[in-house]
Each structure stands twice: as C-alpha cells, then as structure tokens.
Amino acid sequence: MPLLVIICNKVKETMCCGRSSLGNSMRVHTGEKPYECIECGKAFSNSSSLAQHQRSHTGEKPYMCKECRKTFSQNAGLAQHKRIHTGEKPYECNVCGKAFSYSGSLTLHQRIHTGERPYEFKDCRKSFRQRAHLA
C-alpha cells in the first residue's frame, strides 16, 4: 500500500496517514475539539493539550530547572525560563535592534515604535501600551 504524505502549512508539520498526528492536524482545520476538561469544560483538539491544561487545576509541575529547581507545568515554560540563566535573547526588535528573552517583551517594546496603545479607560479615553497600567 502506498504511503500518503500530507504537508500542512498551517501547523508546519509533515504527516503520514495512519499516524495519530494526522487526526490532530486535521482538527486545526475543522475546529473539532473532542477532548473536554471535566473540571471547567474547556475543550481541546488533542489529548496532550488537555493533559497540559489539567495541570492548571491540579497544580502539577513536572518540569524542573536544574539550575534553580523552579518547577513548571509545561516544558515550554521551563525552556523559556532557562533563558534567565543563559542570557539568551532570541527576540530582536527590527526597528532598533534591542533584544529580549521573551516574545511578549518584544511585543510590548514594539509599541514604543508603533505608538499602539490598545488598552484604554472607557470613561476618560486615556490609553496605555500595557494592560497592567490600567490598574
């Protein structure tokens, strides 16, 4: 039987039929979310995303930093945290060249250049670059 290979540009994966990742990838396109959290009802397109989400309810943090022993509920959080120890700053502003450890920090910084102020008080119309400044 020939092997069917699908290249999905939306999720940037190459998958072969018969593998479980094919169904997961197709759900990105269909919007199907068959995995539901019994705690809060939030639905997910794959079981691993549900498992990660469930840690928000249980408080489980299985990923630990070997440098400082801080723990994280997701491996991505640990990977991002490690930049504190390495000094890595992979996110660079294309306007001024300033580099950041976190993509969110770059996004906030870029608002200095664009003038974007997406958060505002409805009563006085005063606006801010960061949500935290609304408080």
N, C-alpha and C. Protein backbone atom coordinates (compact mmCIF):
# COMPACT_ATOMS: atom_id res chain seq x y z
N MET A 1 0.85 -1.18 0.00
CA MET A 1 0.00 0.00 0.00
C MET A 1 0.89 1.24 0.00
N PRO A 2 0.66 2.21 -0.90
CA PRO A 2 1.49 3.41 -0.93
C PRO A 2 1.25 4.29 0.30
N LEU A 3 2.26 5.01 0.68
CA LEU A 3 2.20 5.88 1.84
C LEU A 3 1.76 7.26 1.40
N LEU A 4 0.71 7.77 2.03
CA LEU A 4 0.20 9.11 1.72
C LEU A 4 0.86 10.11 2.66
N VAL A 5 1.50 11.11 2.09
CA VAL A 5 2.15 12.14 2.89
C VAL A 5 1.41 13.45 2.66
N ILE A 6 1.05 14.09 3.75
CA ILE A 6 0.37 15.38 3.68
C ILE A 6 1.27 16.43 4.31
N ILE A 7 1.47 17.53 3.61
CA ILE A 7 2.25 18.62 4.17
C ILE A 7 1.28 19.72 4.53
N CYS A 8 1.23 20.06 5.79
CA CYS A 8 0.29 21.05 6.28
C CYS A 8 1.03 22.34 6.60
N ASN A 9 0.80 23.38 5.83
CA ASN A 9 1.48 24.66 6.06
C ASN A 9 0.95 25.38 7.28
N LYS A 10 -0.29 25.13 7.66
CA LYS A 10 -0.87 25.84 8.79
C LYS A 10 -0.20 25.42 10.10
N VAL A 11 0.04 24.13 10.29
CA VAL A 11 0.68 23.67 11.52
C VAL A 11 2.15 23.32 11.31
N LYS A 12 2.65 23.51 10.10
CA LYS A 12 4.06 23.30 9.77
C LYS A 12 4.53 21.90 10.17
N GLU A 13 3.80 20.89 9.73
CA GLU A 13 4.16 19.51 10.00
C GLU A 13 4.04 18.69 8.72
N THR A 14 4.80 17.64 8.66
CA THR A 14 4.61 16.64 7.62
C THR A 14 4.10 15.39 8.32
N MET A 15 3.01 14.84 7.83
CA MET A 15 2.40 13.71 8.49
C MET A 15 2.13 12.59 7.51
N CYS A 16 2.10 11.39 8.01
CA CYS A 16 1.77 10.24 7.18
C CYS A 16 0.45 9.67 7.65
N CYS A 17 -0.33 9.16 6.69
CA CYS A 17 -1.62 8.60 7.06
C CYS A 17 -1.41 7.43 8.02
N GLY A 18 -2.39 7.24 8.87
CA GLY A 18 -2.31 6.15 9.84
C GLY A 18 -1.65 6.56 11.14
N ARG A 19 -1.04 7.71 11.18
CA ARG A 19 -0.41 8.19 12.41
C ARG A 19 -1.40 9.09 13.14
N SER A 20 -1.34 9.08 14.47
CA SER A 20 -2.31 9.85 15.24
C SER A 20 -2.17 11.35 15.00
N SER A 21 -0.98 11.82 14.64
CA SER A 21 -0.79 13.25 14.44
C SER A 21 -1.60 13.77 13.25
N LEU A 22 -1.94 12.91 12.31
CA LEU A 22 -2.73 13.35 11.17
C LEU A 22 -4.10 13.83 11.63
N GLY A 23 -4.74 13.07 12.49
CA GLY A 23 -6.05 13.48 13.02
C GLY A 23 -5.95 14.77 13.80
N ASN A 24 -4.91 14.90 14.60
CA ASN A 24 -4.72 16.13 15.38
C ASN A 24 -4.55 17.32 14.46
N SER A 25 -3.78 17.17 13.40
CA SER A 25 -3.55 18.27 12.47
C SER A 25 -4.83 18.65 11.74
N MET A 26 -5.60 17.68 11.34
CA MET A 26 -6.83 17.96 10.62
C MET A 26 -7.81 18.73 11.50
N ARG A 27 -7.77 18.50 12.82
CA ARG A 27 -8.66 19.22 13.73
C ARG A 27 -8.35 20.71 13.77
N VAL A 28 -7.11 21.09 13.46
CA VAL A 28 -6.77 22.51 13.37
C VAL A 28 -7.64 23.16 12.30
N HIS A 29 -7.86 22.45 11.21
CA HIS A 29 -8.63 22.99 10.09
C HIS A 29 -10.14 22.89 10.32
N THR A 30 -10.59 21.82 10.96
CA THR A 30 -12.03 21.61 11.15
C THR A 30 -12.55 22.32 12.39
N GLY A 31 -11.66 22.61 13.34
CA GLY A 31 -12.10 23.25 14.59
C GLY A 31 -12.65 22.26 15.60
N GLU A 32 -12.61 20.97 15.27
CA GLU A 32 -13.13 19.95 16.17
C GLU A 32 -12.28 19.90 17.44
N LYS A 33 -12.96 19.84 18.59
CA LYS A 33 -12.28 19.77 19.89
C LYS A 33 -12.95 18.69 20.74
N PRO A 34 -12.60 17.43 20.51
CA PRO A 34 -13.29 16.34 21.19
C PRO A 34 -12.82 16.04 22.61
N TYR A 35 -11.75 16.68 23.07
CA TYR A 35 -11.22 16.40 24.40
C TYR A 35 -11.61 17.53 25.36
N GLU A 36 -12.48 17.20 26.32
CA GLU A 36 -13.04 18.22 27.21
C GLU A 36 -12.57 18.03 28.64
N CYS A 37 -12.23 19.13 29.29
CA CYS A 37 -11.81 19.12 30.69
C CYS A 37 -13.03 18.90 31.57
N ILE A 38 -12.97 17.92 32.45
CA ILE A 38 -14.11 17.64 33.32
C ILE A 38 -14.23 18.67 34.44
N GLU A 39 -13.17 19.42 34.70
CA GLU A 39 -13.20 20.45 35.74
C GLU A 39 -13.93 21.71 35.28
N CYS A 40 -13.60 22.21 34.09
CA CYS A 40 -14.11 23.51 33.66
C CYS A 40 -14.85 23.49 32.32
N GLY A 41 -14.79 22.37 31.60
CA GLY A 41 -15.50 22.27 30.34
C GLY A 41 -14.76 22.78 29.12
N LYS A 42 -13.55 23.32 29.31
CA LYS A 42 -12.78 23.81 28.16
C LYS A 42 -12.42 22.62 27.27
N ALA A 43 -12.52 22.82 25.95
CA ALA A 43 -12.30 21.72 25.01
C ALA A 43 -11.01 21.92 24.22
N PHE A 44 -10.42 20.80 23.80
CA PHE A 44 -9.13 20.81 23.10
C PHE A 44 -9.17 19.88 21.91
N SER A 45 -8.31 20.16 20.94
CA SER A 45 -8.28 19.35 19.72
C SER A 45 -7.44 18.09 19.88
N ASN A 46 -6.59 18.03 20.92
CA ASN A 46 -5.80 16.81 21.13
C ASN A 46 -5.64 16.52 22.61
N SER A 47 -5.37 15.27 22.92
CA SER A 47 -5.31 14.83 24.31
C SER A 47 -4.13 15.42 25.07
N SER A 48 -3.02 15.68 24.39
CA SER A 48 -1.86 16.24 25.09
C SER A 48 -2.13 17.68 25.55
N SER A 49 -2.87 18.44 24.76
CA SER A 49 -3.24 19.79 25.18
C SER A 49 -4.18 19.75 26.38
N LEU A 50 -5.09 18.79 26.39
CA LEU A 50 -5.97 18.61 27.55
C LEU A 50 -5.15 18.27 28.78
N ALA A 51 -4.19 17.35 28.64
CA ALA A 51 -3.35 16.95 29.78
C ALA A 51 -2.58 18.14 30.33
N GLN A 52 -2.03 18.97 29.44
CA GLN A 52 -1.32 20.18 29.89
C GLN A 52 -2.27 21.11 30.63
N HIS A 53 -3.46 21.30 30.10
CA HIS A 53 -4.45 22.18 30.72
C HIS A 53 -4.85 21.68 32.10
N GLN A 54 -5.03 20.38 32.24
CA GLN A 54 -5.47 19.82 33.51
C GLN A 54 -4.50 20.11 34.64
N ARG A 55 -3.24 20.34 34.30
CA ARG A 55 -2.26 20.70 35.33
C ARG A 55 -2.58 22.05 35.96
N SER A 56 -3.32 22.90 35.25
CA SER A 56 -3.71 24.19 35.83
C SER A 56 -4.68 23.98 36.98
N HIS A 57 -5.41 22.87 36.96
CA HIS A 57 -6.34 22.56 38.04
C HIS A 57 -5.66 21.79 39.17
N THR A 58 -4.74 20.90 38.82
CA THR A 58 -4.10 20.05 39.83
C THR A 58 -2.90 20.71 40.48
N GLY A 59 -2.30 21.68 39.80
CA GLY A 59 -1.09 22.33 40.31
C GLY A 59 0.17 21.53 40.05
N GLU A 60 0.05 20.43 39.31
CA GLU A 60 1.21 19.60 38.99
C GLU A 60 2.21 20.38 38.14
N LYS A 61 3.48 20.31 38.54
CA LYS A 61 4.55 20.98 37.80
C LYS A 61 5.71 20.00 37.63
N PRO A 62 5.63 19.14 36.62
CA PRO A 62 6.63 18.08 36.48
C PRO A 62 7.96 18.49 35.84
N TYR A 63 8.07 19.71 35.35
CA TYR A 63 9.30 20.14 34.67
C TYR A 63 10.10 21.06 35.59
N MET A 64 11.34 20.63 35.93
CA MET A 64 12.16 21.37 36.88
C MET A 64 13.44 21.90 36.26
N CYS A 65 13.77 23.14 36.61
CA CYS A 65 15.02 23.75 36.18
C CYS A 65 16.16 23.16 37.01
N LYS A 66 17.18 22.66 36.34
CA LYS A 66 18.32 22.07 37.03
C LYS A 66 19.19 23.12 37.71
N GLU A 67 19.09 24.37 37.25
CA GLU A 67 19.91 25.44 37.83
C GLU A 67 19.36 25.91 39.17
N CYS A 68 18.05 26.18 39.23
CA CYS A 68 17.48 26.80 40.43
C CYS A 68 16.34 25.99 41.05
N ARG A 69 15.99 24.88 40.43
CA ARG A 69 14.96 23.96 40.92
C ARG A 69 13.53 24.52 40.86
N LYS A 70 13.32 25.60 40.13
CA LYS A 70 11.97 26.12 39.93
C LYS A 70 11.23 25.13 39.03
N THR A 71 9.94 24.93 39.30
CA THR A 71 9.17 23.95 38.54
C THR A 71 8.10 24.62 37.68
N PHE A 72 7.71 23.89 36.62
CA PHE A 72 6.78 24.41 35.63
C PHE A 72 5.77 23.35 35.24
N SER A 73 4.59 23.78 34.87
CA SER A 73 3.55 22.83 34.45
C SER A 73 3.73 22.39 33.00
N GLN A 74 4.45 23.19 32.22
CA GLN A 74 4.68 22.86 30.81
C GLN A 74 6.17 22.96 30.48
N ASN A 75 6.61 22.09 29.59
CA ASN A 75 8.01 22.10 29.16
C ASN A 75 8.37 23.43 28.49
N ALA A 76 7.41 24.03 27.78
CA ALA A 76 7.67 25.32 27.12
C ALA A 76 7.99 26.40 28.15
N GLY A 77 7.33 26.35 29.29
CA GLY A 77 7.61 27.31 30.36
C GLY A 77 9.01 27.14 30.90
N LEU A 78 9.46 25.90 31.05
CA LEU A 78 10.82 25.63 31.50
C LEU A 78 11.83 26.13 30.47
N ALA A 79 11.58 25.85 29.21
CA ALA A 79 12.51 26.28 28.15
C ALA A 79 12.65 27.80 28.14
N GLN A 80 11.54 28.49 28.32
CA GLN A 80 11.57 29.95 28.35
C GLN A 80 12.32 30.44 29.59
N HIS A 81 12.08 29.81 30.73
CA HIS A 81 12.74 30.18 31.98
C HIS A 81 14.26 30.04 31.91
N LYS A 82 14.73 29.01 31.23
CA LYS A 82 16.17 28.76 31.15
C LYS A 82 16.94 29.94 30.59
N ARG A 83 16.26 30.80 29.84
CA ARG A 83 16.92 31.99 29.27
C ARG A 83 17.41 32.94 30.36
N ILE A 84 16.80 32.88 31.53
CA ILE A 84 17.26 33.70 32.65
C ILE A 84 18.70 33.33 32.99
N HIS A 85 18.99 32.04 32.97
CA HIS A 85 20.32 31.55 33.33
C HIS A 85 21.33 31.68 32.19
N THR A 86 20.86 31.53 30.96
CA THR A 86 21.80 31.56 29.82
C THR A 86 22.00 32.97 29.27
N GLY A 87 21.06 33.86 29.54
CA GLY A 87 21.14 35.21 28.99
C GLY A 87 20.71 35.28 27.54
N GLU A 88 20.17 34.19 27.02
CA GLU A 88 19.74 34.16 25.62
C GLU A 88 18.60 35.16 25.39
N LYS A 89 18.70 35.91 24.31
CA LYS A 89 17.67 36.89 23.93
C LYS A 89 17.38 36.73 22.44
N PRO A 90 16.54 35.76 22.09
CA PRO A 90 16.32 35.45 20.68
C PRO A 90 15.33 36.36 19.95
N TYR A 91 14.66 37.25 20.67
CA TYR A 91 13.66 38.11 20.04
C TYR A 91 14.21 39.52 19.89
N GLU A 92 14.45 39.93 18.64
CA GLU A 92 15.10 41.22 18.38
C GLU A 92 14.15 42.18 17.67
N CYS A 93 14.14 43.41 18.14
CA CYS A 93 13.33 44.46 17.52
C CYS A 93 13.90 44.80 16.15
N ASN A 94 13.05 44.78 15.14
CA ASN A 94 13.51 45.06 13.78
C ASN A 94 13.67 46.57 13.52
N VAL A 95 13.30 47.40 14.50
CA VAL A 95 13.46 48.84 14.34
C VAL A 95 14.77 49.32 14.97
N CYS A 96 14.99 48.94 16.24
CA CYS A 96 16.16 49.47 16.95
C CYS A 96 17.21 48.42 17.30
N GLY A 97 16.88 47.13 17.12
CA GLY A 97 17.85 46.08 17.39
C GLY A 97 17.90 45.59 18.83
N LYS A 98 17.12 46.18 19.72
CA LYS A 98 17.11 45.72 21.11
C LYS A 98 16.59 44.29 21.15
N ALA A 99 17.23 43.45 21.99
CA ALA A 99 16.87 42.03 22.06
C ALA A 99 16.20 41.70 23.39
N PHE A 100 15.35 40.68 23.34
CA PHE A 100 14.56 40.29 24.51
C PHE A 100 14.56 38.77 24.67
N SER A 101 14.40 38.33 25.91
CA SER A 101 14.33 36.90 26.21
C SER A 101 12.96 36.32 25.89
N TYR A 102 11.93 37.16 25.92
CA TYR A 102 10.56 36.69 25.76
C TYR A 102 9.87 37.42 24.61
N SER A 103 9.07 36.70 23.86
CA SER A 103 8.37 37.31 22.73
C SER A 103 7.39 38.38 23.19
N GLY A 104 6.77 38.16 24.35
CA GLY A 104 5.84 39.15 24.88
C GLY A 104 6.52 40.46 25.22
N SER A 105 7.76 40.39 25.68
CA SER A 105 8.52 41.61 25.98
C SER A 105 8.81 42.38 24.70
N LEU A 106 9.12 41.66 23.64
CA LEU A 106 9.34 42.32 22.35
C LEU A 106 8.06 43.00 21.86
N THR A 107 6.93 42.31 22.00
CA THR A 107 5.65 42.88 21.57
C THR A 107 5.37 44.19 22.30
N LEU A 108 5.57 44.19 23.63
CA LEU A 108 5.37 45.42 24.40
C LEU A 108 6.32 46.51 23.94
N HIS A 109 7.58 46.17 23.74
CA HIS A 109 8.59 47.13 23.31
C HIS A 109 8.22 47.75 21.95
N GLN A 110 7.77 46.94 21.02
CA GLN A 110 7.46 47.43 19.67
C GLN A 110 6.37 48.49 19.68
N ARG A 111 5.54 48.49 20.71
CA ARG A 111 4.50 49.52 20.81
C ARG A 111 5.10 50.91 21.01
N ILE A 112 6.33 50.98 21.50
CA ILE A 112 7.01 52.27 21.62
C ILE A 112 7.20 52.85 20.22
N HIS A 113 7.59 52.01 19.28
CA HIS A 113 7.84 52.46 17.91
C HIS A 113 6.55 52.71 17.13
N THR A 114 5.55 51.86 17.35
CA THR A 114 4.32 51.98 16.56
C THR A 114 3.34 52.99 17.15
N GLY A 115 3.51 53.27 18.44
CA GLY A 115 2.57 54.16 19.11
C GLY A 115 1.27 53.47 19.50
N GLU A 116 1.20 52.17 19.30
CA GLU A 116 -0.02 51.42 19.64
C GLU A 116 -0.26 51.48 21.14
N ARG A 117 -1.51 51.78 21.52
CA ARG A 117 -1.92 51.84 22.92
C ARG A 117 -3.28 51.14 23.01
N PRO A 118 -3.27 49.80 23.03
CA PRO A 118 -4.52 49.05 22.89
C PRO A 118 -5.41 49.00 24.13
N TYR A 119 -4.93 49.48 25.27
CA TYR A 119 -5.71 49.41 26.49
C TYR A 119 -6.13 50.81 26.90
N GLU A 120 -7.44 51.00 27.12
CA GLU A 120 -7.89 52.34 27.49
C GLU A 120 -9.02 52.29 28.50
N PHE A 121 -9.09 53.36 29.32
CA PHE A 121 -10.21 53.56 30.21
C PHE A 121 -11.38 54.06 29.37
N LYS A 122 -12.53 53.44 29.52
CA LYS A 122 -13.67 53.83 28.70
C LYS A 122 -14.20 55.20 29.09
N ASP A 123 -14.12 55.56 30.37
CA ASP A 123 -14.69 56.84 30.82
C ASP A 123 -13.90 58.03 30.32
N CYS A 124 -12.57 57.99 30.48
CA CYS A 124 -11.77 59.17 30.12
C CYS A 124 -11.01 59.01 28.81
N ARG A 125 -11.05 57.81 28.21
CA ARG A 125 -10.40 57.52 26.94
C ARG A 125 -8.87 57.56 27.00
N LYS A 126 -8.29 57.61 28.21
CA LYS A 126 -6.83 57.57 28.34
C LYS A 126 -6.38 56.15 27.98
N SER A 127 -5.31 56.05 27.18
CA SER A 127 -4.88 54.73 26.70
C SER A 127 -3.44 54.42 27.14
N PHE A 128 -3.14 53.10 27.13
CA PHE A 128 -1.85 52.61 27.61
C PHE A 128 -1.34 51.50 26.70
N ARG A 129 -0.02 51.32 26.71
CA ARG A 129 0.59 50.24 25.93
C ARG A 129 0.43 48.89 26.62
N GLN A 130 0.34 48.89 27.96
CA GLN A 130 0.26 47.65 28.71
C GLN A 130 -1.01 47.60 29.55
N ARG A 131 -1.60 46.42 29.64
CA ARG A 131 -2.80 46.23 30.45
C ARG A 131 -2.54 46.54 31.92
N ALA A 132 -1.34 46.21 32.40
CA ALA A 132 -1.01 46.44 33.81
C ALA A 132 -1.12 47.91 34.20
N HIS A 133 -0.97 48.81 33.25
CA HIS A 133 -1.05 50.23 33.55
C HIS A 133 -2.47 50.73 33.75
N LEU A 134 -3.46 49.88 33.49
CA LEU A 134 -4.85 50.25 33.72
C LEU A 134 -5.18 50.25 35.21
N ALA A 135 -4.47 49.49 35.98
CA ALA A 135 -4.78 49.33 37.41
C ALA A 135 -4.50 50.58 38.21
